[in-house]
Amino acid sequence: MTERRRRKRPAAGRATAWSVKLESGNSHRHQNVIHHDWRWIMEKSYSADLRSRIVDHIASWQSRHSASRQFGVSPSCAVKLAQRVATTGSVAPARQGRPPGDGKLAPHMAALMKWVHAEPDLTMPELSARLIAATGVRARPTSLSRVLLKAGYSLRNVWPAPSTRGLSKVA
């Protein structure tokens, strides 16, 4: 007879290894991750009021580090904010994220829209295969779906998909 071993749960007062890593702050990987799939998500910028107060504190001949201590922000925030004001003259935060309109699918939008308009029941994997055959650009079906949603197309579920039934169009 085999014996099964069970993992012991920690006692009520003991911290698990996961919570110790979070509380210790030794690893930025464990401290700043917000999303459950371990993707980094940018936090919101500080308010314009706080940013202007930091700049005013620095402009009154105080050090950048003392401004960071005074207002409870990181020293790098105060330093970068002072550099931004020196170069641009504004306390407004810079735009976050990738600039819109750039991407490998942008030059091929006309062809994609033409194919979808001509054959509305085209599935995303079929559209991906057609794009590879015509232009040599490899794009995942999710990327194609995202681009077409931004272009104003809506999704329509077709089940089972035409390619799995051996049909070219849904009747």
N, C-alpha and C. Protein backbone atom coordinates (compact mmCIF):
# COMPACT_ATOMS: atom_id res chain seq x y z
N MET A 1 0.84 -1.18 0.00
CA MET A 1 0.00 0.00 0.00
C MET A 1 0.89 1.25 0.00
N THR A 2 0.63 2.13 -0.93
CA THR A 2 1.45 3.35 -1.02
C THR A 2 0.86 4.43 -0.14
N GLU A 3 1.75 5.24 0.35
CA GLU A 3 1.31 6.32 1.22
C GLU A 3 1.40 7.64 0.46
N ARG A 4 0.35 8.40 0.49
CA ARG A 4 0.37 9.70 -0.16
C ARG A 4 0.85 10.75 0.83
N ARG A 5 1.71 11.59 0.33
CA ARG A 5 2.19 12.69 1.17
C ARG A 5 1.47 13.97 0.79
N ARG A 6 1.06 14.69 1.76
CA ARG A 6 0.38 15.96 1.52
C ARG A 6 1.31 17.10 1.89
N ARG A 7 1.16 18.17 1.14
CA ARG A 7 1.92 19.37 1.49
C ARG A 7 1.32 19.99 2.73
N LYS A 8 2.17 20.31 3.66
CA LYS A 8 1.67 20.93 4.89
C LYS A 8 1.44 22.41 4.66
N ARG A 9 0.35 22.88 5.17
CA ARG A 9 0.08 24.31 5.13
C ARG A 9 0.82 24.96 6.28
N PRO A 10 1.27 26.20 6.08
CA PRO A 10 1.94 26.87 7.20
C PRO A 10 0.94 27.17 8.31
N ALA A 11 1.47 27.23 9.50
CA ALA A 11 0.62 27.55 10.66
C ALA A 11 0.03 28.94 10.49
N ALA A 12 -1.01 29.22 11.23
CA ALA A 12 -1.74 30.48 11.06
C ALA A 12 -0.84 31.69 11.29
N GLY A 13 0.10 31.62 12.20
CA GLY A 13 0.93 32.77 12.49
C GLY A 13 2.16 32.90 11.62
N ARG A 14 2.47 31.86 10.85
CA ARG A 14 3.69 31.87 10.05
C ARG A 14 3.42 32.44 8.66
N ALA A 15 4.38 33.16 8.16
CA ALA A 15 4.25 33.72 6.82
C ALA A 15 4.77 32.72 5.80
N THR A 16 4.13 32.67 4.67
CA THR A 16 4.62 31.79 3.61
C THR A 16 5.79 32.46 2.91
N ALA A 17 6.49 31.69 2.08
CA ALA A 17 7.64 32.23 1.36
C ALA A 17 7.22 33.38 0.45
N TRP A 18 6.03 33.27 -0.14
CA TRP A 18 5.55 34.32 -1.05
C TRP A 18 5.38 35.64 -0.31
N SER A 19 4.74 35.60 0.87
CA SER A 19 4.51 36.85 1.58
C SER A 19 5.80 37.42 2.15
N VAL A 20 6.77 36.56 2.45
CA VAL A 20 8.06 37.06 2.93
C VAL A 20 8.75 37.85 1.83
N LYS A 21 8.69 37.34 0.61
CA LYS A 21 9.31 38.05 -0.50
C LYS A 21 8.63 39.39 -0.72
N LEU A 22 7.32 39.43 -0.60
CA LEU A 22 6.62 40.68 -0.80
C LEU A 22 6.93 41.69 0.30
N GLU A 23 7.03 41.20 1.54
CA GLU A 23 7.26 42.11 2.64
C GLU A 23 8.70 42.58 2.72
N SER A 24 9.64 41.73 2.29
CA SER A 24 11.04 42.10 2.43
C SER A 24 11.44 43.18 1.43
N GLY A 25 10.84 43.18 0.26
CA GLY A 25 11.17 44.19 -0.74
C GLY A 25 12.53 44.00 -1.37
N ASN A 26 13.12 42.81 -1.23
CA ASN A 26 14.44 42.57 -1.79
C ASN A 26 14.41 42.49 -3.31
N SER A 27 13.34 42.00 -3.87
CA SER A 27 13.28 41.80 -5.30
C SER A 27 12.20 42.68 -5.90
N HIS A 28 12.58 43.50 -6.86
CA HIS A 28 11.59 44.37 -7.49
C HIS A 28 10.59 43.56 -8.29
N ARG A 29 10.97 42.36 -8.72
CA ARG A 29 10.05 41.52 -9.47
C ARG A 29 8.83 41.17 -8.64
N HIS A 30 9.03 40.86 -7.38
CA HIS A 30 7.93 40.44 -6.55
C HIS A 30 7.18 41.62 -5.94
N GLN A 31 7.80 42.76 -5.86
CA GLN A 31 7.18 43.89 -5.17
C GLN A 31 6.26 44.70 -6.08
N ASN A 32 6.62 44.88 -7.34
CA ASN A 32 5.90 45.80 -8.20
C ASN A 32 4.96 45.15 -9.21
N VAL A 33 4.91 43.84 -9.26
CA VAL A 33 4.05 43.18 -10.22
C VAL A 33 2.60 43.36 -9.79
N ILE A 34 1.78 43.82 -10.71
CA ILE A 34 0.40 44.11 -10.39
C ILE A 34 -0.53 43.05 -10.99
N HIS A 35 -0.29 42.67 -12.21
CA HIS A 35 -1.17 41.76 -12.91
C HIS A 35 -0.84 40.31 -12.60
N HIS A 36 -1.81 39.43 -12.69
CA HIS A 36 -1.58 38.05 -12.30
C HIS A 36 -0.75 37.27 -13.30
N ASP A 37 -0.61 37.70 -14.56
CA ASP A 37 0.26 36.95 -15.46
C ASP A 37 1.67 37.51 -15.49
N TRP A 38 2.07 38.22 -14.50
CA TRP A 38 3.44 38.72 -14.37
C TRP A 38 3.78 39.72 -15.46
N ARG A 39 2.83 40.50 -15.88
CA ARG A 39 3.12 41.58 -16.82
C ARG A 39 3.31 42.86 -16.03
N TRP A 40 4.19 43.70 -16.49
CA TRP A 40 4.41 44.99 -15.84
C TRP A 40 3.35 45.96 -16.32
N ILE A 41 2.74 46.65 -15.40
CA ILE A 41 1.71 47.62 -15.74
C ILE A 41 2.17 48.97 -15.18
N MET A 42 2.18 49.97 -16.05
CA MET A 42 2.60 51.30 -15.62
C MET A 42 1.55 51.89 -14.69
N GLU A 43 2.03 52.52 -13.64
CA GLU A 43 1.10 53.20 -12.74
C GLU A 43 0.79 54.57 -13.30
N LYS A 44 -0.24 55.23 -12.74
CA LYS A 44 -0.61 56.56 -13.20
C LYS A 44 0.44 57.57 -12.76
N SER A 45 0.51 58.66 -13.49
CA SER A 45 1.44 59.73 -13.15
C SER A 45 0.95 60.47 -11.91
N TYR A 46 1.89 61.13 -11.25
CA TYR A 46 1.51 61.97 -10.11
C TYR A 46 0.68 63.14 -10.61
N SER A 47 -0.14 63.70 -9.74
CA SER A 47 -1.02 64.79 -10.14
C SER A 47 -0.20 66.03 -10.50
N ALA A 48 -0.81 66.89 -11.29
CA ALA A 48 -0.13 68.12 -11.72
C ALA A 48 0.16 69.01 -10.52
N ASP A 49 -0.73 69.00 -9.53
CA ASP A 49 -0.54 69.81 -8.33
C ASP A 49 0.70 69.36 -7.56
N LEU A 50 0.85 68.06 -7.36
CA LEU A 50 2.02 67.54 -6.66
C LEU A 50 3.29 67.80 -7.45
N ARG A 51 3.21 67.62 -8.75
CA ARG A 51 4.39 67.85 -9.60
C ARG A 51 4.82 69.32 -9.53
N SER A 52 3.86 70.23 -9.54
CA SER A 52 4.22 71.65 -9.48
C SER A 52 4.78 72.03 -8.10
N ARG A 53 4.25 71.40 -7.03
CA ARG A 53 4.80 71.67 -5.70
C ARG A 53 6.23 71.16 -5.57
N ILE A 54 6.53 70.02 -6.17
CA ILE A 54 7.90 69.51 -6.17
C ILE A 54 8.83 70.46 -6.90
N VAL A 55 8.38 70.95 -8.06
CA VAL A 55 9.19 71.87 -8.85
C VAL A 55 9.39 73.19 -8.09
N ASP A 56 8.35 73.69 -7.43
CA ASP A 56 8.48 74.92 -6.64
C ASP A 56 9.46 74.73 -5.49
N HIS A 57 9.45 73.57 -4.87
CA HIS A 57 10.37 73.27 -3.77
C HIS A 57 11.82 73.27 -4.29
N ILE A 58 12.02 72.69 -5.46
CA ILE A 58 13.38 72.66 -6.04
C ILE A 58 13.79 74.05 -6.49
N ALA A 59 12.82 74.85 -7.00
CA ALA A 59 13.13 76.20 -7.47
C ALA A 59 13.48 77.13 -6.31
N SER A 60 13.07 76.79 -5.08
CA SER A 60 13.40 77.63 -3.93
C SER A 60 14.75 77.22 -3.32
N TRP A 61 15.64 76.75 -4.16
CA TRP A 61 17.02 76.40 -3.81
C TRP A 61 17.12 75.25 -2.81
N GLN A 62 16.15 74.37 -2.84
CA GLN A 62 16.23 73.14 -2.04
C GLN A 62 16.74 72.02 -2.95
N SER A 63 17.32 71.02 -2.36
CA SER A 63 17.85 69.92 -3.18
C SER A 63 16.71 69.04 -3.69
N ARG A 64 17.00 68.30 -4.73
CA ARG A 64 16.00 67.41 -5.30
C ARG A 64 15.69 66.27 -4.34
N HIS A 65 16.70 65.80 -3.62
CA HIS A 65 16.48 64.73 -2.67
C HIS A 65 15.62 65.21 -1.48
N SER A 66 15.81 66.43 -1.07
CA SER A 66 14.96 66.93 0.02
C SER A 66 13.52 67.10 -0.45
N ALA A 67 13.35 67.45 -1.73
CA ALA A 67 11.99 67.55 -2.29
C ALA A 67 11.34 66.17 -2.31
N SER A 68 12.13 65.15 -2.64
CA SER A 68 11.56 63.80 -2.66
C SER A 68 11.17 63.35 -1.26
N ARG A 69 11.98 63.69 -0.26
CA ARG A 69 11.63 63.34 1.12
C ARG A 69 10.42 64.14 1.59
N GLN A 70 10.35 65.40 1.23
CA GLN A 70 9.27 66.29 1.67
C GLN A 70 7.91 65.81 1.15
N PHE A 71 7.87 65.37 -0.10
CA PHE A 71 6.59 65.02 -0.73
C PHE A 71 6.35 63.53 -0.86
N GLY A 72 7.27 62.71 -0.36
CA GLY A 72 7.05 61.27 -0.33
C GLY A 72 7.12 60.60 -1.69
N VAL A 73 7.98 61.09 -2.57
CA VAL A 73 8.20 60.46 -3.87
C VAL A 73 9.63 59.95 -3.90
N SER A 74 9.95 59.17 -4.91
CA SER A 74 11.31 58.64 -5.02
C SER A 74 12.26 59.76 -5.46
N PRO A 75 13.54 59.65 -5.10
CA PRO A 75 14.50 60.66 -5.56
C PRO A 75 14.59 60.75 -7.08
N SER A 76 14.48 59.60 -7.76
CA SER A 76 14.55 59.65 -9.22
C SER A 76 13.38 60.41 -9.81
N CYS A 77 12.21 60.36 -9.16
CA CYS A 77 11.06 61.12 -9.64
C CYS A 77 11.34 62.62 -9.59
N ALA A 78 11.91 63.08 -8.47
CA ALA A 78 12.20 64.51 -8.33
C ALA A 78 13.29 64.93 -9.31
N VAL A 79 14.31 64.10 -9.50
CA VAL A 79 15.41 64.43 -10.41
C VAL A 79 14.89 64.49 -11.85
N LYS A 80 14.13 63.48 -12.26
CA LYS A 80 13.61 63.44 -13.63
C LYS A 80 12.60 64.56 -13.88
N LEU A 81 11.83 64.89 -12.86
CA LEU A 81 10.87 65.99 -13.01
C LEU A 81 11.60 67.32 -13.20
N ALA A 82 12.68 67.54 -12.44
CA ALA A 82 13.46 68.77 -12.59
C ALA A 82 14.11 68.82 -13.97
N GLN A 83 14.58 67.68 -14.46
CA GLN A 83 15.17 67.65 -15.81
C GLN A 83 14.11 67.93 -16.87
N ARG A 84 12.91 67.39 -16.68
CA ARG A 84 11.84 67.61 -17.65
C ARG A 84 11.43 69.08 -17.70
N VAL A 85 11.34 69.72 -16.54
CA VAL A 85 10.99 71.14 -16.50
C VAL A 85 12.10 71.97 -17.13
N ALA A 86 13.36 71.58 -16.93
CA ALA A 86 14.47 72.33 -17.52
C ALA A 86 14.48 72.23 -19.05
N THR A 87 14.08 71.07 -19.59
CA THR A 87 14.11 70.91 -21.05
C THR A 87 12.84 71.39 -21.73
N THR A 88 11.67 71.07 -21.14
CA THR A 88 10.41 71.41 -21.81
C THR A 88 9.71 72.61 -21.22
N GLY A 89 9.98 72.91 -19.95
CA GLY A 89 9.30 74.02 -19.30
C GLY A 89 7.92 73.66 -18.78
N SER A 90 7.57 72.40 -18.81
CA SER A 90 6.24 71.97 -18.39
C SER A 90 6.35 70.87 -17.34
N VAL A 91 5.39 70.85 -16.42
CA VAL A 91 5.36 69.78 -15.42
C VAL A 91 4.44 68.64 -15.87
N ALA A 92 3.84 68.75 -17.03
CA ALA A 92 2.93 67.72 -17.53
C ALA A 92 3.71 66.43 -17.79
N PRO A 93 3.12 65.28 -17.46
CA PRO A 93 3.82 64.02 -17.68
C PRO A 93 3.91 63.70 -19.17
N ALA A 94 4.91 62.94 -19.53
CA ALA A 94 5.06 62.50 -20.92
C ALA A 94 4.03 61.42 -21.22
N ARG A 95 3.74 61.25 -22.47
CA ARG A 95 2.78 60.22 -22.87
C ARG A 95 3.38 58.85 -22.60
N GLN A 96 2.56 57.95 -22.06
CA GLN A 96 3.01 56.60 -21.77
C GLN A 96 2.58 55.66 -22.88
N GLY A 97 3.37 54.65 -23.13
CA GLY A 97 3.01 53.63 -24.10
C GLY A 97 3.60 53.88 -25.46
N ARG A 98 3.30 52.98 -26.34
CA ARG A 98 3.80 53.03 -27.71
C ARG A 98 3.02 54.06 -28.51
N PRO A 99 3.69 54.78 -29.41
CA PRO A 99 2.96 55.76 -30.23
C PRO A 99 1.95 55.06 -31.14
N PRO A 100 0.76 55.62 -31.31
CA PRO A 100 -0.25 54.98 -32.15
C PRO A 100 0.13 55.03 -33.61
N GLY A 101 -0.35 54.04 -34.37
CA GLY A 101 -0.15 54.03 -35.81
C GLY A 101 1.10 53.31 -36.26
N ASP A 102 2.02 53.04 -35.35
CA ASP A 102 3.22 52.32 -35.74
C ASP A 102 3.00 50.84 -35.46
N GLY A 103 3.47 50.03 -36.35
CA GLY A 103 3.35 48.59 -36.19
C GLY A 103 3.51 47.94 -37.55
N LYS A 104 3.72 46.65 -37.52
CA LYS A 104 3.97 45.98 -38.78
C LYS A 104 2.70 45.79 -39.61
N LEU A 105 1.52 45.92 -39.00
CA LEU A 105 0.29 45.75 -39.75
C LEU A 105 -0.24 47.05 -40.35
N ALA A 106 0.27 48.18 -39.93
CA ALA A 106 -0.22 49.48 -40.42
C ALA A 106 -0.10 49.62 -41.94
N PRO A 107 1.02 49.23 -42.57
CA PRO A 107 1.08 49.38 -44.03
C PRO A 107 0.14 48.43 -44.78
N HIS A 108 -0.36 47.39 -44.14
CA HIS A 108 -1.18 46.39 -44.81
C HIS A 108 -2.66 46.51 -44.46
N MET A 109 -3.05 47.59 -43.81
CA MET A 109 -4.44 47.75 -43.39
C MET A 109 -5.41 47.78 -44.57
N ALA A 110 -5.02 48.41 -45.66
CA ALA A 110 -5.91 48.49 -46.82
C ALA A 110 -6.20 47.09 -47.37
N ALA A 111 -5.18 46.25 -47.47
CA ALA A 111 -5.38 44.90 -47.98
C ALA A 111 -6.21 44.07 -47.01
N LEU A 112 -5.97 44.21 -45.72
CA LEU A 112 -6.75 43.47 -44.72
C LEU A 112 -8.22 43.85 -44.80
N MET A 113 -8.49 45.14 -44.86
CA MET A 113 -9.87 45.60 -44.92
C MET A 113 -10.55 45.16 -46.22
N LYS A 114 -9.80 45.13 -47.31
CA LYS A 114 -10.35 44.68 -48.59
C LYS A 114 -10.73 43.20 -48.52
N TRP A 115 -9.87 42.39 -47.92
CA TRP A 115 -10.15 40.95 -47.79
C TRP A 115 -11.35 40.70 -46.89
N VAL A 116 -11.44 41.42 -45.79
CA VAL A 116 -12.56 41.23 -44.86
C VAL A 116 -13.86 41.71 -45.48
N HIS A 117 -13.80 42.81 -46.23
CA HIS A 117 -15.01 43.33 -46.88
C HIS A 117 -15.49 42.37 -47.97
N ALA A 118 -14.55 41.78 -48.72
CA ALA A 118 -14.93 40.86 -49.79
C ALA A 118 -15.45 39.53 -49.24
N GLU A 119 -14.90 39.09 -48.12
CA GLU A 119 -15.29 37.80 -47.55
C GLU A 119 -15.51 37.98 -46.04
N PRO A 120 -16.71 38.39 -45.60
CA PRO A 120 -16.94 38.71 -44.19
C PRO A 120 -16.80 37.52 -43.24
N ASP A 121 -16.96 36.29 -43.74
CA ASP A 121 -16.88 35.12 -42.87
C ASP A 121 -15.47 34.56 -42.74
N LEU A 122 -14.50 35.32 -43.14
CA LEU A 122 -13.10 34.91 -43.05
C LEU A 122 -12.69 34.85 -41.58
N THR A 123 -12.10 33.74 -41.18
CA THR A 123 -11.65 33.62 -39.79
C THR A 123 -10.28 34.27 -39.64
N MET A 124 -9.89 34.55 -38.40
CA MET A 124 -8.59 35.20 -38.16
C MET A 124 -7.41 34.31 -38.57
N PRO A 125 -7.43 33.00 -38.31
CA PRO A 125 -6.32 32.18 -38.82
C PRO A 125 -6.24 32.17 -40.34
N GLU A 126 -7.39 32.17 -41.01
CA GLU A 126 -7.37 32.23 -42.47
C GLU A 126 -6.84 33.57 -42.96
N LEU A 127 -7.22 34.63 -42.28
CA LEU A 127 -6.73 35.96 -42.63
C LEU A 127 -5.22 36.05 -42.41
N SER A 128 -4.74 35.43 -41.35
CA SER A 128 -3.31 35.40 -41.06
C SER A 128 -2.56 34.65 -42.16
N ALA A 129 -3.10 33.51 -42.58
CA ALA A 129 -2.47 32.73 -43.65
C ALA A 129 -2.46 33.51 -44.96
N ARG A 130 -3.55 34.22 -45.25
CA ARG A 130 -3.62 35.01 -46.48
C ARG A 130 -2.60 36.16 -46.45
N LEU A 131 -2.41 36.77 -45.28
CA LEU A 131 -1.44 37.85 -45.15
C LEU A 131 -0.02 37.33 -45.36
N ILE A 132 0.28 36.16 -44.82
CA ILE A 132 1.61 35.56 -45.02
C ILE A 132 1.84 35.26 -46.49
N ALA A 133 0.83 34.69 -47.16
CA ALA A 133 0.98 34.34 -48.57
C ALA A 133 1.15 35.57 -49.45
N ALA A 134 0.42 36.63 -49.15
CA ALA A 134 0.44 37.82 -50.02
C ALA A 134 1.63 38.72 -49.76
N THR A 135 2.00 38.91 -48.49
CA THR A 135 3.03 39.91 -48.18
C THR A 135 4.25 39.34 -47.48
N GLY A 136 4.14 38.14 -46.93
CA GLY A 136 5.26 37.57 -46.20
C GLY A 136 5.32 38.04 -44.75
N VAL A 137 4.34 38.85 -44.32
CA VAL A 137 4.31 39.35 -42.95
C VAL A 137 3.54 38.35 -42.10
N ARG A 138 4.18 37.90 -41.02
CA ARG A 138 3.55 36.93 -40.12
C ARG A 138 2.92 37.69 -38.95
N ALA A 139 1.61 37.51 -38.78
CA ALA A 139 0.89 38.15 -37.68
C ALA A 139 -0.02 37.13 -37.02
N ARG A 140 -0.09 37.17 -35.72
CA ARG A 140 -0.96 36.25 -35.00
C ARG A 140 -2.42 36.66 -35.17
N PRO A 141 -3.33 35.70 -35.10
CA PRO A 141 -4.75 36.03 -35.24
C PRO A 141 -5.25 37.05 -34.22
N THR A 142 -4.71 37.01 -33.00
CA THR A 142 -5.15 37.99 -32.00
C THR A 142 -4.74 39.39 -32.39
N SER A 143 -3.56 39.54 -32.99
CA SER A 143 -3.12 40.86 -33.43
C SER A 143 -4.01 41.37 -34.56
N LEU A 144 -4.35 40.48 -35.47
CA LEU A 144 -5.24 40.87 -36.56
C LEU A 144 -6.61 41.27 -36.03
N SER A 145 -7.10 40.53 -35.06
CA SER A 145 -8.39 40.86 -34.47
C SER A 145 -8.36 42.22 -33.80
N ARG A 146 -7.29 42.51 -33.07
CA ARG A 146 -7.16 43.79 -32.38
C ARG A 146 -7.13 44.94 -33.38
N VAL A 147 -6.40 44.77 -34.48
CA VAL A 147 -6.28 45.82 -35.50
C VAL A 147 -7.63 46.05 -36.17
N LEU A 148 -8.34 44.98 -36.47
CA LEU A 148 -9.64 45.14 -37.14
C LEU A 148 -10.69 45.75 -36.20
N LEU A 149 -10.61 45.45 -34.91
CA LEU A 149 -11.51 46.09 -33.96
C LEU A 149 -11.25 47.59 -33.89
N LYS A 150 -9.98 47.98 -33.92
CA LYS A 150 -9.65 49.40 -33.92
C LYS A 150 -10.09 50.09 -35.19
N ALA A 151 -10.15 49.33 -36.30
CA ALA A 151 -10.58 49.90 -37.58
C ALA A 151 -12.10 50.02 -37.67
N GLY A 152 -12.82 49.49 -36.67
CA GLY A 152 -14.27 49.64 -36.67
C GLY A 152 -15.05 48.39 -36.98
N TYR A 153 -14.39 47.28 -37.22
CA TYR A 153 -15.09 46.03 -37.46
C TYR A 153 -15.50 45.41 -36.14
N SER A 154 -16.58 44.63 -36.16
CA SER A 154 -17.03 43.95 -34.94
C SER A 154 -16.82 42.45 -35.12
N LEU A 155 -16.74 41.76 -33.99
CA LEU A 155 -16.54 40.33 -34.02
C LEU A 155 -17.87 39.61 -34.16
N ARG A 156 -17.81 38.47 -34.83
CA ARG A 156 -18.98 37.63 -34.95
C ARG A 156 -18.51 36.20 -34.76
N ASN A 157 -19.10 35.50 -33.81
CA ASN A 157 -18.71 34.12 -33.57
C ASN A 157 -19.35 33.21 -34.60
N VAL A 158 -18.53 32.34 -35.17
CA VAL A 158 -18.98 31.34 -36.12
C VAL A 158 -18.52 30.01 -35.57
N TRP A 159 -19.47 29.15 -35.16
CA TRP A 159 -19.04 27.89 -34.57
C TRP A 159 -19.79 26.75 -35.19
N PRO A 160 -19.14 25.70 -35.58
CA PRO A 160 -17.70 25.59 -35.69
C PRO A 160 -17.18 26.43 -36.83
N ALA A 161 -15.93 26.77 -36.75
CA ALA A 161 -15.33 27.65 -37.75
C ALA A 161 -15.40 27.00 -39.12
N PRO A 162 -15.52 27.82 -40.19
CA PRO A 162 -15.62 27.25 -41.54
C PRO A 162 -14.45 26.35 -41.89
N SER A 163 -13.25 26.65 -41.42
CA SER A 163 -12.10 25.83 -41.78
C SER A 163 -12.18 24.44 -41.14
N THR A 164 -12.85 24.33 -39.98
CA THR A 164 -12.95 23.02 -39.33
C THR A 164 -14.06 22.18 -39.93
N ARG A 165 -15.01 22.81 -40.59
CA ARG A 165 -16.10 22.05 -41.22
C ARG A 165 -15.78 21.72 -42.67
N GLY A 166 -14.70 22.27 -43.21
CA GLY A 166 -14.37 22.03 -44.61
C GLY A 166 -15.15 22.92 -45.55
N LEU A 167 -15.77 23.97 -45.05
CA LEU A 167 -16.54 24.88 -45.90
C LEU A 167 -15.77 26.18 -46.06
N SER A 168 -16.04 26.87 -47.14
CA SER A 168 -15.38 28.17 -47.34
C SER A 168 -16.21 29.30 -46.76
N LYS A 169 -17.53 29.15 -46.68
CA LYS A 169 -18.41 30.18 -46.14
C LYS A 169 -19.48 29.56 -45.28
N VAL A 170 -19.99 30.32 -44.33
CA VAL A 170 -21.07 29.85 -43.51
C VAL A 170 -22.37 30.06 -44.26
N ALA A 171 -23.22 29.05 -44.30
CA ALA A 171 -24.48 29.13 -45.06
C ALA A 171 -25.50 29.95 -44.33
